Amino acid sequence: MKLNVHLTGSRQEETQKITEVVKPFDWSYTTDYVGTVSPTGPQLKSAETQVPLELLRRPDPILMYDELVLYEDEMADNGITMFSCKIRVMPERLLLLCRFFMRLDNVIFRIRDTRVFVEFATGEVIREYVAKEDDYEKIRLKLATGREDVLALMRDPNRLSGVLSTKDHKVDRVVVS
């Protein structure tokens, strides 16, 4: 939508045209934010490298773990939207997971994950972004084929992440010294 504003009175000669694009309000609070990199620091480059899950599955001691829910809303009792960050620090590496999860009952499931992996010895930093979503009914039917409680599974983003379709996947990498 374009909006033209004309000033009147003593500033009539100072007519300004303001062009404004009005986006519909996203009441689900969906975010695809992957983080900000300082323009003066090392720059991430697109890469094929994945976060090395085999290193994260090792039984290394966890020096620190924390989780922070940045926001959560029950969407007027029609589902849930939540954005959280988890960090796990081990002696040789760390993993940060920022996850947006949305379940809009009878409509859609949506997950947006940004993982940042840091290998201390090499200075390698990998940032992986994955966007997943699917229709509510499609996932409900898929989950109903098992013996587990379907309603409980539909509240668990960790379980849903494995069944939702991937819509976007980006990996960036940099080595810092």
C-alpha atoms as a PDB file:
ATOM      1  CA  MET A   1       0.000   0.000   0.000  1.00  0.00           C
ATOM      2  CA  LYS A   2       1.324   3.449  -0.837  1.00  0.00           C
ATOM      3  CA  LEU A   3       0.503   6.394   1.331  1.00  0.00           C
ATOM      4  CA  ASN A   4       0.971   9.943   0.084  1.00  0.00           C
ATOM      5  CA  VAL A   5       1.201  12.612   2.767  1.00  0.00           C
ATOM      6  CA  HIS A   6       0.809  16.283   1.894  1.00  0.00           C
ATOM      7  CA  LEU A   7       1.725  18.849   4.502  1.00  0.00           C
ATOM      8  CA  THR A   8      -0.467  21.934   4.743  1.00  0.00           C
ATOM      9  CA  GLY A   9      -0.161  25.414   6.218  1.00  0.00           C
ATOM     10  CA  SER A  10       3.253  27.068   6.392  1.00  0.00           C
ATOM     11  CA  ARG A  11       4.902  23.909   5.055  1.00  0.00           C
ATOM     12  CA  GLN A  12       2.713  23.513   2.004  1.00  0.00           C
ATOM     13  CA  GLU A  13       5.771  23.797  -0.258  1.00  0.00           C
ATOM     14  CA  GLU A  14       7.388  20.884   1.630  1.00  0.00           C
ATOM     15  CA  THR A  15       5.250  18.131   0.204  1.00  0.00           C
ATOM     16  CA  GLN A  16       6.568  14.719   1.070  1.00  0.00           C
ATOM     17  CA  LYS A  17       5.677  11.406  -0.408  1.00  0.00           C
ATOM     18  CA  ILE A  18       5.945   8.499   1.952  1.00  0.00           C
ATOM     19  CA  THR A  19       5.951   5.021   0.490  1.00  0.00           C
ATOM     20  CA  GLU A  20       5.106   2.355   3.005  1.00  0.00           C
ATOM     21  CA  VAL A  21       4.668  -1.372   2.562  1.00  0.00           C
ATOM     22  CA  VAL A  22       2.173  -2.662   5.066  1.00  0.00           C
ATOM     23  CA  LYS A  23       2.609  -6.308   5.928  1.00  0.00           C
ATOM     24  CA  PRO A  24      -0.175  -8.270   7.538  1.00  0.00           C
ATOM     25  CA  PHE A  25       0.384  -8.638  11.276  1.00  0.00           C
ATOM     26  CA  ASP A  26       1.837 -12.065  12.118  1.00  0.00           C
ATOM     27  CA  TRP A  27      -0.216 -12.976  15.167  1.00  0.00           C
ATOM     28  CA  SER A  28       1.644 -16.322  15.430  1.00  0.00           C
ATOM     29  CA  TYR A  29       4.926 -14.475  16.174  1.00  0.00           C
ATOM     30  CA  THR A  30       6.768 -16.753  13.715  1.00  0.00           C
ATOM     31  CA  THR A  31      10.408 -15.825  13.347  1.00  0.00           C
ATOM     32  CA  ASP A  32      13.066 -16.882  10.873  1.00  0.00           C
ATOM     33  CA  TYR A  33      15.783 -14.843  12.596  1.00  0.00           C
ATOM     34  CA  VAL A  34      19.088 -16.738  12.548  1.00  0.00           C
ATOM     35  CA  GLY A  35      21.267 -14.251  14.377  1.00  0.00           C
ATOM     36  CA  THR A  36      23.395 -11.231  13.595  1.00  0.00           C
ATOM     37  CA  VAL A  37      27.060 -11.251  12.673  1.00  0.00           C
ATOM     38  CA  SER A  38      29.196  -8.172  13.340  1.00  0.00           C
ATOM     39  CA  PRO A  39      30.154  -6.515  10.047  1.00  0.00           C
ATOM     40  CA  THR A  40      33.706  -6.034  11.358  1.00  0.00           C
ATOM     41  CA  GLY A  41      34.197  -9.632  12.502  1.00  0.00           C
ATOM     42  CA  PRO A  42      34.765 -12.874  10.611  1.00  0.00           C
ATOM     43  CA  GLN A  43      31.950 -13.511   8.155  1.00  0.00           C
ATOM     44  CA  LEU A  44      30.003 -16.741   7.879  1.00  0.00           C
ATOM     45  CA  LYS A  45      30.023 -18.339   4.434  1.00  0.00           C
ATOM     46  CA  SER A  46      27.498 -20.753   2.984  1.00  0.00           C
ATOM     47  CA  ALA A  47      28.682 -24.335   3.485  1.00  0.00           C
ATOM     48  CA  GLU A  48      27.720 -27.959   3.010  1.00  0.00           C
ATOM     49  CA  THR A  49      29.111 -28.919   6.440  1.00  0.00           C
ATOM     50  CA  GLN A  50      26.484 -30.115   8.891  1.00  0.00           C
ATOM     51  CA  VAL A  51      26.520 -29.811  12.674  1.00  0.00           C
ATOM     52  CA  PRO A  52      28.495 -32.958  13.676  1.00  0.00           C
ATOM     53  CA  LEU A  53      25.795 -34.810  15.600  1.00  0.00           C
ATOM     54  CA  GLU A  54      28.137 -37.746  16.319  1.00  0.00           C
ATOM     55  CA  LEU A  55      30.277 -35.439  18.495  1.00  0.00           C
ATOM     56  CA  LEU A  56      27.202 -34.214  20.346  1.00  0.00           C
ATOM     57  CA  ARG A  57      26.000 -37.758  21.036  1.00  0.00           C
ATOM     58  CA  ARG A  58      29.209 -38.684  22.839  1.00  0.00           C
ATOM     59  CA  PRO A  59      28.929 -38.981  26.622  1.00  0.00           C
ATOM     60  CA  ASP A  60      31.160 -35.956  27.244  1.00  0.00           C
ATOM     61  CA  PRO A  61      30.649 -34.202  30.573  1.00  0.00           C
ATOM     62  CA  ILE A  62      28.268 -31.269  30.382  1.00  0.00           C
ATOM     63  CA  LEU A  63      29.904 -28.283  32.067  1.00  0.00           C
ATOM     64  CA  MET A  64      26.855 -26.066  31.722  1.00  0.00           C
ATOM     65  CA  TYR A  65      23.319 -26.406  30.430  1.00  0.00           C
ATOM     66  CA  ASP A  66      20.550 -23.850  30.486  1.00  0.00           C
ATOM     67  CA  GLU A  67      17.258 -23.137  28.766  1.00  0.00           C
ATOM     68  CA  LEU A  68      15.489 -19.819  28.427  1.00  0.00           C
ATOM     69  CA  VAL A  69      11.965 -19.357  27.106  1.00  0.00           C
ATOM     70  CA  LEU A  70      11.961 -15.974  25.379  1.00  0.00           C
ATOM     71  CA  TYR A  71       8.225 -15.926  24.759  1.00  0.00           C
ATOM     72  CA  GLU A  72       5.250 -18.237  24.897  1.00  0.00           C
ATOM     73  CA  ASP A  73       1.588 -17.753  24.057  1.00  0.00           C
ATOM     74  CA  GLU A  74      -1.390 -20.121  24.134  1.00  0.00           C
ATOM     75  CA  MET A  75      -2.922 -18.405  21.096  1.00  0.00           C
ATOM     76  CA  ALA A  76      -6.316 -17.874  22.744  1.00  0.00           C
ATOM     77  CA  ASP A  77      -6.523 -21.584  23.662  1.00  0.00           C
ATOM     78  CA  ASN A  78      -6.106 -22.571  20.005  1.00  0.00           C
ATOM     79  CA  GLY A  79      -2.568 -23.899  20.197  1.00  0.00           C
ATOM     80  CA  ILE A  80       0.824 -22.688  21.306  1.00  0.00           C
ATOM     81  CA  THR A  81       3.666 -20.561  20.036  1.00  0.00           C
ATOM     82  CA  MET A  82       6.988 -20.563  21.858  1.00  0.00           C
ATOM     83  CA  PHE A  83      10.524 -19.347  21.234  1.00  0.00           C
ATOM     84  CA  SER A  84      13.283 -20.773  23.410  1.00  0.00           C
ATOM     85  CA  CYS A  85      17.072 -20.995  23.533  1.00  0.00           C
ATOM     86  CA  LYS A  86      19.086 -23.865  24.965  1.00  0.00           C
ATOM     87  CA  ILE A  87      22.838 -23.985  25.476  1.00  0.00           C
ATOM     88  CA  ARG A  88      25.023 -26.963  26.269  1.00  0.00           C
ATOM     89  CA  VAL A  89      28.738 -26.503  26.964  1.00  0.00           C
ATOM     90  CA  MET A  90      31.112 -29.461  26.989  1.00  0.00           C
ATOM     91  CA  PRO A  91      34.909 -29.364  27.497  1.00  0.00           C
ATOM     92  CA  GLU A  92      35.650 -29.348  23.743  1.00  0.00           C
ATOM     93  CA  ARG A  93      32.567 -27.767  22.160  1.00  0.00           C
ATOM     94  CA  LEU A  94      29.253 -26.019  22.657  1.00  0.00           C
ATOM     95  CA  LEU A  95      25.857 -26.126  21.048  1.00  0.00           C
ATOM     96  CA  LEU A  96      23.242 -23.396  21.087  1.00  0.00           C
ATOM     97  CA  LEU A  97      19.719 -24.180  19.875  1.00  0.00           C
ATOM     98  CA  CYS A  98      17.186 -21.424  19.309  1.00  0.00           C
ATOM     99  CA  ARG A  99      13.809 -22.980  18.509  1.00  0.00           C
ATOM    100  CA  PHE A 100      10.520 -21.475  17.473  1.00  0.00           C
ATOM    101  CA  PHE A 101       7.620 -23.936  17.830  1.00  0.00           C
ATOM    102  CA  MET A 102       4.020 -23.346  16.838  1.00  0.00           C
ATOM    103  CA  ARG A 103       0.994 -25.590  16.918  1.00  0.00           C
ATOM    104  CA  LEU A 104      -2.183 -23.982  15.668  1.00  0.00           C
ATOM    105  CA  ASP A 105      -4.924 -26.518  16.351  1.00  0.00           C
ATOM    106  CA  ASN A 106      -6.567 -27.915  13.220  1.00  0.00           C
ATOM    107  CA  VAL A 107      -4.384 -25.702  11.004  1.00  0.00           C
ATOM    108  CA  ILE A 108      -0.569 -26.096  11.071  1.00  0.00           C
ATOM    109  CA  PHE A 109       2.603 -27.166  12.885  1.00  0.00           C
ATOM    110  CA  ARG A 110       5.729 -25.054  12.446  1.00  0.00           C
ATOM    111  CA  ILE A 111       9.309 -25.342  13.746  1.00  0.00           C
ATOM    112  CA  ARG A 112      12.215 -22.989  13.060  1.00  0.00           C
ATOM    113  CA  ASP A 113      15.561 -24.200  14.466  1.00  0.00           C
ATOM    114  CA  THR A 114      18.842 -22.314  14.498  1.00  0.00           C
ATOM    115  CA  ARG A 115      21.782 -24.311  15.834  1.00  0.00           C
ATOM    116  CA  VAL A 116      25.178 -22.784  16.479  1.00  0.00           C
ATOM    117  CA  PHE A 117      27.983 -25.283  17.011  1.00  0.00           C
ATOM    118  CA  VAL A 118      31.457 -24.209  18.170  1.00  0.00           C
ATOM    119  CA  GLU A 119      34.477 -26.521  18.218  1.00  0.00           C
ATOM    120  CA  PHE A 120      36.948 -24.915  20.637  1.00  0.00           C
ATOM    121  CA  ALA A 121      40.154 -26.598  19.381  1.00  0.00           C
ATOM    122  CA  THR A 122      39.743 -25.584  15.737  1.00  0.00           C
ATOM    123  CA  GLY A 123      37.692 -22.394  16.141  1.00  0.00           C
ATOM    124  CA  GLU A 124      35.118 -23.762  13.720  1.00  0.00           C
ATOM    125  CA  VAL A 125      31.637 -22.233  14.024  1.00  0.00           C
ATOM    126  CA  ILE A 126      28.717 -23.790  12.169  1.00  0.00           C
ATOM    127  CA  ARG A 127      25.298 -22.166  12.048  1.00  0.00           C
ATOM    128  CA  GLU A 128      22.479 -24.319  10.739  1.00  0.00           C
ATOM    129  CA  TYR A 129      18.946 -23.062  10.112  1.00  0.00           C
ATOM    130  CA  VAL A 130      16.064 -25.450   9.420  1.00  0.00           C
ATOM    131  CA  ALA A 131      12.443 -24.463   8.778  1.00  0.00           C
ATOM    132  CA  LYS A 132       9.841 -27.233   9.028  1.00  0.00           C
ATOM    133  CA  GLU A 133       6.072 -27.213   8.805  1.00  0.00           C
ATOM    134  CA  ASP A 134       3.076 -29.311   7.843  1.00  0.00           C
ATOM    135  CA  ASP A 135      -0.695 -29.315   7.944  1.00  0.00           C
ATOM    136  CA  TYR A 136      -2.140 -30.227  11.317  1.00  0.00           C
ATOM    137  CA  GLU A 137      -4.355 -33.042  10.056  1.00  0.00           C
ATOM    138  CA  LYS A 138      -1.568 -34.655   8.021  1.00  0.00           C
ATOM    139  CA  ILE A 139       0.660 -34.847  11.111  1.00  0.00           C
ATOM    140  CA  ARG A 140      -2.178 -35.968  13.390  1.00  0.00           C
ATOM    141  CA  LEU A 141      -2.896 -38.894  11.059  1.00  0.00           C
ATOM    142  CA  LYS A 142       0.798 -39.751  10.791  1.00  0.00           C
ATOM    143  CA  LEU A 143       1.161 -39.805  14.585  1.00  0.00           C
ATOM    144  CA  ALA A 144      -2.047 -41.828  15.043  1.00  0.00           C
ATOM    145  CA  THR A 145      -0.476 -44.894  13.404  1.00  0.00           C
ATOM    146  CA  GLY A 146       1.575 -45.638  16.529  1.00  0.00           C
ATOM    147  CA  ARG A 147       0.655 -46.652  20.059  1.00  0.00           C
ATOM    148  CA  GLU A 148       1.740 -43.426  21.752  1.00  0.00           C
ATOM    149  CA  ASP A 149      -0.574 -40.677  22.987  1.00  0.00           C
ATOM    150  CA  VAL A 150      -1.135 -38.494  19.903  1.00  0.00           C
ATOM    151  CA  LEU A 151      -2.089 -35.382  21.908  1.00  0.00           C
ATOM    152  CA  ALA A 152       1.096 -35.651  23.978  1.00  0.00           C
ATOM    153  CA  LEU A 153       3.212 -36.062  20.833  1.00  0.00           C
ATOM    154  CA  MET A 154       1.622 -32.957  19.282  1.00  0.00           C
ATOM    155  CA  ARG A 155       2.889 -30.907  22.240  1.00  0.00           C
ATOM    156  CA  ASP A 156       6.489 -32.175  21.920  1.00  0.00           C
ATOM    157  CA  PRO A 157       8.580 -30.206  19.399  1.00  0.00           C
ATOM    158  CA  ASN A 158      11.440 -32.712  19.731  1.00  0.00           C
ATOM    159  CA  ARG A 159       9.206 -35.540  18.491  1.00  0.00           C
ATOM    160  CA  LEU A 160       7.463 -33.398  15.874  1.00  0.00           C
ATOM    161  CA  SER A 161      10.748 -32.232  14.385  1.00  0.00           C
ATOM    162  CA  GLY A 162      11.320 -35.725  13.017  1.00  0.00           C
ATOM    163  CA  VAL A 163       7.993 -35.892  11.153  1.00  0.00           C
ATOM    164  CA  LEU A 164       7.513 -32.365   9.792  1.00  0.00           C
ATOM    165  CA  SER A 165       8.520 -31.570   6.202  1.00  0.00           C
ATOM    166  CA  THR A 166      11.623 -29.420   5.705  1.00  0.00           C
ATOM    167  CA  LYS A 167      10.807 -26.163   3.921  1.00  0.00           C
ATOM    168  CA  ASP A 168      14.205 -24.452   4.187  1.00  0.00           C
ATOM    169  CA  HIS A 169      17.707 -25.520   5.224  1.00  0.00           C
ATOM    170  CA  LYS A 170      20.806 -23.293   5.312  1.00  0.00           C
ATOM    171  CA  VAL A 171      24.255 -23.937   6.715  1.00  0.00           C
ATOM    172  CA  ASP A 172      26.933 -21.290   7.251  1.00  0.00           C
ATOM    173  CA  ARG A 173      30.476 -21.788   8.537  1.00  0.00           C
ATOM    174  CA  VAL A 174      33.483 -19.778   9.658  1.00  0.00           C
ATOM    175  CA  VAL A 175      36.751 -20.530  11.429  1.00  0.00           C
ATOM    176  CA  VAL A 176      37.770 -17.989  14.050  1.00  0.00           C
ATOM    177  CA  SER A 177      41.142 -17.828  15.717  1.00  0.00           C
END
